[in-house]
Amino acid sequence: MHTIEVVAAALFALALVHTFSTKYFERLAHRHPRHAGLLHLLGEVEVVFGFWAAVLVLAMAAIGGGAQAIAYAESRQYAEPLFVFVIMVVAASKPVVDFIQALVAAIAGAAPVRTVVAQVWLCLALVPLIGSLITEPAAMTLAALMLGALVFRPGVPERLKYGALGVLFVNISVGGTLTSFAAPPVLMVASTWNWDSAFMLAHFGWRAVIAVLINATVMTLVLRRHLLDAPVATAPALAQAGSGAARGPRIVSLIHLAFLAGVVAFAHHPVIFLGLFLLFLGFTQAYARYQAPLILKEALLVGFFLAGLVVLGGLQQWWLQPIVSSLEPTALFFGALGLTAITDNAALTYLGSLIAGISDPAKYMLVAGAVAGGGLTVIANAPNPAGIALLRRGFNDESIGAGGLLLGAALPTAVAAVMFLV
């Protein structure tokens, strides 16, 4: 078993290097058109962890036999990848996006600034905080769809796009901490440590709100000169709310919102939310004239990415947990913040929940560091791949560099870190 763990750690490291090299594969695809299809596939950041998870399963079969490999793959819990897939599709449906856009437009119209500036601020501030109610993946999907046409388009400097992406990712990560069920890293420890929503609001929520408002305000001020009053979306996936489908009656929007609420309510029961999803697909077919194309491809790729992370991450406990358990509270905060960049923050807090006798200050510091660092990389927080999938068309070469994201998220991460350490 230790041999397999070492192999898994090596493959995890290769997957991380691959994640930071996706732009290189895109450049190779342009230089070698004969193999462009394969190189483009390897350049898809959502494919990375699924690809290396498949390599791990094959390696396990070679080392320990096919039965052991299959048993390990089937022992993993895939509720989160399935949930993210379903919530992305439902949240990005035209009636839901129309409703959220109308809400944002109504609030923005009453603001004492240009409407488009207010809209960007609301997408970077209000929508991430709503994630504490509708879950972070749903908030990420809605914010990305609306910001795509406003910020991630030609005419906006690439460095500012990375800055906006970093703010969005960090704000989504910390904005889900107002409740105990919306942020994956909080969910992993809430029942074990008896943290309810009142506890989260008192210890994390107000700090998160201040960090989100600071980050959103600064980024909006930086972007304001580049914002057009009548932006044009750059890709069908980003402009799907304006795809030409008829605006449906209010009852259609209410039914879509009911499906969204149902999926959120049963987020930990895959049989139920998958059943609701099948009913949702039937409803969209029955009233196709009020729908835009569902983002099934983007959502499937994100689910594949997260499932790969579940498979690869399941064998990293042997080296991660000793690091987490050996740190004092303040060191644990910065250790969690750094480790989150190379591991999913939910996996990190889950490992912390397994440590017997961990002190209350250490519990707080572990979770605070994990959520503060949730925007640094694509794998740091479960909703991040959803944002990548929906917004990458707005970047050069239609790909997002890991280095650019890291730099873009650095300052908003520092703001969140300061607030959680206050």
Foldseek 3Di string as FASTA:
>chain_A
DVVLLVVLVVLLVVLVVLLQCLVVLLVVLVVDVVCNVVSPQSSQNLCRLLVSLVVSLVVCCVPPNNVVSVVLLVPFDLLVLLLLLLLLLLLLKQLNLVVVVVVQQVVLVPDPDQSLLSSQLCLQAVLLLCLLPLALLSSLNSSLLAVQQWALAPQHDQLLVLLSLLSSQLLNLLSNQLAQQRFLQSVLCCVLVVPGNVNSNVQRVVLSNVLSNVSSVVSSVVCVVRTDSDTDHDDCLSCQNVPPQDADDPVVSVVSVVLSNQSSVVSVPSVRNVVSSVVVVVVCVVVVSNTGDGPNVLSVSLSSSVSSLSSSVVSNLVPLLVVLVVDDLVVNLQVLLVVLQSHALNSQSNSVSPDPPDDPSNNLSNSLSLSLNRQQFCRSGSSSSSSLSSRLCSHVSSHDRSVSNNVSNVVSSVSSSVSSVD
